[in-house]
Amino acid sequence: MSQSLNKIYVHLVFSTKHRNSLISNSIKEELFNYLGGICKNLECNPIQVGGYKDHVHILCLLSKKIPLMKLIEEVKSHSSKWIKTKGKEFENFYWQNGYGAFSVNPSEIEIVKNYIMVQDEHHKTKSFQEEFLAFLKKYDIKCDERYIWD
């Protein structure tokens, strides 16, 4: 085959360091837009970006030009540097070291998009840890919970 073709939808999930509630209402929309902009600049078309006080979700198309790990590295490092310029309350902002990346069936894009859009409502009854462990279970990812959280 002379062409390289792909269409890989990925749902990225990562939290703030120690799951500190640093994503305040005053910054969240700007942060989500900034995260989407980073993805767009890397040709990883953002479909939906959202989250809650201690974590974010990014649904995007993975570019054929960039490995997943590079996307994560760029998104986390650039957004962390950017948010620290937004005021004294963000000067100690850090993302957790790890992340979750989950493939999304094209037929479920709207479901995932809507899920990301209602994070405020969703987290009235479920913590980030519970949510993340549910993703691991759904995708049958075995792990030692002692090493997930930082």
Foldseek 3Di string as FASTA:
>chain_A
DPDDDDWWKKKKKWWWAQLDQLCDPVCFVVLQVVLQVLCVVVVFHWDAWAAGRTMIITITTDDPVDDPVVSVVRSQVVSLVVVCVVDPSSVPIHIHPDMDMDTDDPVCPVVVRVVRVCNVVVVVPDDPVRVVVVVCVVVVNDDDVVPPHD
